Amino acid sequence: MVGLAANASARGKQELRCALGVLSRSLAGLTVYHYGVMSALALFGVGLGMFIAPNNSATIAAAPGTRTGEAGGMLNLMRALGCAIGIATASVTFSWRRTCLPETGIRP
């Protein structure tokens, strides 16, 4: 998916692809049941694949030519920081939900 998005971003219209990727990621949280969750995660993956390549390309292109190395490093740093904060937040939320909301059906 990422390769397909990278080839498409080379032809232009990166803003449209970024918007479609963000939209498909936002629609992924609307379901409750197992098959719905599986299809939402698939939609999330497609949206993520459509968003990352054009977003990275647009970010690096916005930097001056002499600073593309620093822009790439900052992009990777922010991605790693976002992943770390996201995983920590999800872990704390899941732990809190297990202890404070036992009626949700999640058993420790």
C-alpha atoms as a PDB file:
ATOM      1  CA  MET A   1       0.000   0.000   0.000  1.00  0.00           C
ATOM      2  CA  VAL A   2       2.811   2.384   0.854  1.00  0.00           C
ATOM      3  CA  GLY A   3       4.495   1.732  -2.499  1.00  0.00           C
ATOM      4  CA  LEU A   4       1.247   2.453  -4.305  1.00  0.00           C
ATOM      5  CA  ALA A   5       0.816   5.698  -2.379  1.00  0.00           C
ATOM      6  CA  ALA A   6       4.434   6.683  -3.060  1.00  0.00           C
ATOM      7  CA  ASN A   7       3.963   6.196  -6.799  1.00  0.00           C
ATOM      8  CA  ALA A   8       0.722   8.155  -6.701  1.00  0.00           C
ATOM      9  CA  SER A   9       2.287  10.984  -4.711  1.00  0.00           C
ATOM     10  CA  ALA A  10       4.961  11.381  -7.373  1.00  0.00           C
ATOM     11  CA  ARG A  11       2.189  12.340  -9.797  1.00  0.00           C
ATOM     12  CA  GLY A  12       0.857  15.145  -7.562  1.00  0.00           C
ATOM     13  CA  LYS A  13      -2.357  15.810  -5.618  1.00  0.00           C
ATOM     14  CA  GLN A  14      -0.711  14.976  -2.301  1.00  0.00           C
ATOM     15  CA  GLU A  15      -3.210  17.054  -0.335  1.00  0.00           C
ATOM     16  CA  LEU A  16      -6.115  14.972  -1.634  1.00  0.00           C
ATOM     17  CA  ARG A  17      -4.368  11.716  -0.740  1.00  0.00           C
ATOM     18  CA  CYS A  18      -3.517  13.030   2.735  1.00  0.00           C
ATOM     19  CA  ALA A  19      -7.145  14.033   3.270  1.00  0.00           C
ATOM     20  CA  LEU A  20      -8.417  10.632   2.100  1.00  0.00           C
ATOM     21  CA  GLY A  21      -5.945   8.870   4.363  1.00  0.00           C
ATOM     22  CA  VAL A  22      -6.964  10.909   7.398  1.00  0.00           C
ATOM     23  CA  LEU A  23     -10.663  10.398   6.591  1.00  0.00           C
ATOM     24  CA  SER A  24     -10.299   6.630   6.343  1.00  0.00           C
ATOM     25  CA  ARG A  25      -8.343   6.607   9.619  1.00  0.00           C
ATOM     26  CA  SER A  26     -11.071   8.603  11.361  1.00  0.00           C
ATOM     27  CA  LEU A  27     -13.836   6.256  10.155  1.00  0.00           C
ATOM     28  CA  ALA A  28     -12.031   3.254  11.639  1.00  0.00           C
ATOM     29  CA  GLY A  29     -13.391   3.825  15.160  1.00  0.00           C
ATOM     30  CA  LEU A  30     -17.113   3.577  14.327  1.00  0.00           C
ATOM     31  CA  THR A  31     -17.661  -0.172  14.809  1.00  0.00           C
ATOM     32  CA  VAL A  32     -18.126  -2.454  17.817  1.00  0.00           C
ATOM     33  CA  TYR A  33     -18.224  -6.145  16.805  1.00  0.00           C
ATOM     34  CA  HIS A  34     -15.320  -8.433  15.857  1.00  0.00           C
ATOM     35  CA  TYR A  35     -15.788  -8.374  12.077  1.00  0.00           C
ATOM     36  CA  GLY A  36     -16.458  -4.671  12.263  1.00  0.00           C
ATOM     37  CA  VAL A  37     -13.245  -4.160  14.207  1.00  0.00           C
ATOM     38  CA  MET A  38     -11.311  -6.293  11.717  1.00  0.00           C
ATOM     39  CA  SER A  39     -12.663  -4.323   8.766  1.00  0.00           C
ATOM     40  CA  ALA A  40     -12.045  -1.043  10.613  1.00  0.00           C
ATOM     41  CA  LEU A  41      -8.428  -2.046  11.249  1.00  0.00           C
ATOM     42  CA  ALA A  42      -8.050  -2.936   7.578  1.00  0.00           C
ATOM     43  CA  LEU A  43      -9.482   0.462   6.657  1.00  0.00           C
ATOM     44  CA  PHE A  44      -7.141   2.069   9.190  1.00  0.00           C
ATOM     45  CA  GLY A  45      -4.156   0.309   7.605  1.00  0.00           C
ATOM     46  CA  VAL A  46      -5.148   1.419   4.115  1.00  0.00           C
ATOM     47  CA  GLY A  47      -5.621   4.981   5.349  1.00  0.00           C
ATOM     48  CA  LEU A  48      -2.286   4.927   7.113  1.00  0.00           C
ATOM     49  CA  GLY A  49      -0.571   3.599   3.999  1.00  0.00           C
ATOM     50  CA  MET A  50      -2.203   6.281   1.853  1.00  0.00           C
ATOM     51  CA  PHE A  51      -1.287   9.034   4.303  1.00  0.00           C
ATOM     52  CA  ILE A  52       2.324   8.343   5.297  1.00  0.00           C
ATOM     53  CA  ALA A  53       4.085   8.429   1.918  1.00  0.00           C
ATOM     54  CA  PRO A  54       2.528  11.688   0.616  1.00  0.00           C
ATOM     55  CA  ASN A  55       2.844  13.329   4.029  1.00  0.00           C
ATOM     56  CA  ASN A  56       6.544  12.461   4.275  1.00  0.00           C
ATOM     57  CA  SER A  57       7.114  13.665   0.728  1.00  0.00           C
ATOM     58  CA  ALA A  58       5.330  16.961   1.376  1.00  0.00           C
ATOM     59  CA  THR A  59       7.211  17.484   4.651  1.00  0.00           C
ATOM     60  CA  ILE A  60      10.630  16.922   3.099  1.00  0.00           C
ATOM     61  CA  ALA A  61       9.717  19.045   0.052  1.00  0.00           C
ATOM     62  CA  ALA A  62       8.769  21.955   2.332  1.00  0.00           C
ATOM     63  CA  ALA A  63      12.283  22.075   3.814  1.00  0.00           C
ATOM     64  CA  PRO A  64      15.037  24.074   2.126  1.00  0.00           C
ATOM     65  CA  GLY A  65      17.361  22.004  -0.051  1.00  0.00           C
ATOM     66  CA  THR A  66      20.264  22.292   2.367  1.00  0.00           C
ATOM     67  CA  ARG A  67      18.143  21.109   5.295  1.00  0.00           C
ATOM     68  CA  THR A  68      16.467  17.976   3.920  1.00  0.00           C
ATOM     69  CA  GLY A  69      18.634  15.748   6.119  1.00  0.00           C
ATOM     70  CA  GLU A  70      17.552  17.569   9.263  1.00  0.00           C
ATOM     71  CA  ALA A  71      13.925  17.522   8.097  1.00  0.00           C
ATOM     72  CA  GLY A  72      14.073  13.757   7.583  1.00  0.00           C
ATOM     73  CA  GLY A  73      15.653  13.253  10.993  1.00  0.00           C
ATOM     74  CA  MET A  74      13.029  15.431  12.668  1.00  0.00           C
ATOM     75  CA  LEU A  75      10.271  13.557  10.826  1.00  0.00           C
ATOM     76  CA  ASN A  76      11.546  10.217  12.102  1.00  0.00           C
ATOM     77  CA  LEU A  77      12.046  11.603  15.623  1.00  0.00           C
ATOM     78  CA  MET A  78       8.470  12.900  15.770  1.00  0.00           C
ATOM     79  CA  ARG A  79       7.136   9.593  14.418  1.00  0.00           C
ATOM     80  CA  ALA A  80       9.001   7.631  17.106  1.00  0.00           C
ATOM     81  CA  LEU A  81       7.876  10.067  19.812  1.00  0.00           C
ATOM     82  CA  GLY A  82       4.267   9.817  18.640  1.00  0.00           C
ATOM     83  CA  CYS A  83       4.441   6.020  18.671  1.00  0.00           C
ATOM     84  CA  ALA A  84       5.892   5.974  22.189  1.00  0.00           C
ATOM     85  CA  ILE A  85       3.298   8.393  23.558  1.00  0.00           C
ATOM     86  CA  GLY A  86       0.478   6.573  21.751  1.00  0.00           C
ATOM     87  CA  ILE A  87       1.498   3.164  23.100  1.00  0.00           C
ATOM     88  CA  ALA A  88       1.864   4.536  26.633  1.00  0.00           C
ATOM     89  CA  THR A  89      -1.528   6.259  26.446  1.00  0.00           C
ATOM     90  CA  ALA A  90      -3.245   3.160  25.081  1.00  0.00           C
ATOM     91  CA  SER A  91      -1.660   0.997  27.790  1.00  0.00           C
ATOM     92  CA  VAL A  92      -2.725   3.334  30.599  1.00  0.00           C
ATOM     93  CA  THR A  93      -6.255   3.607  29.166  1.00  0.00           C
ATOM     94  CA  PHE A  94      -6.604  -0.149  28.805  1.00  0.00           C
ATOM     95  CA  SER A  95      -5.278  -0.738  32.327  1.00  0.00           C
ATOM     96  CA  TRP A  96      -7.638   1.869  33.783  1.00  0.00           C
ATOM     97  CA  ARG A  97     -10.585   0.416  31.891  1.00  0.00           C
ATOM     98  CA  ARG A  98      -9.864  -3.094  33.184  1.00  0.00           C
ATOM     99  CA  THR A  99      -9.760  -1.990  36.820  1.00  0.00           C
ATOM    100  CA  CYS A 100     -12.396   0.754  36.930  1.00  0.00           C
ATOM    101  CA  LEU A 101     -15.012  -0.525  34.483  1.00  0.00           C
ATOM    102  CA  PRO A 102     -15.437  -4.272  35.100  1.00  0.00           C
ATOM    103  CA  GLU A 103     -18.952  -4.219  33.605  1.00  0.00           C
ATOM    104  CA  THR A 104     -17.504  -3.829  30.102  1.00  0.00           C
ATOM    105  CA  GLY A 105     -16.898  -7.569  29.938  1.00  0.00           C
ATOM    106  CA  ILE A 106     -13.115  -7.364  30.037  1.00  0.00           C
ATOM    107  CA  ARG A 107     -11.881  -9.687  32.779  1.00  0.00           C
ATOM    108  CA  PRO A 108      -8.445  -9.349  34.405  1.00  0.00           C
END
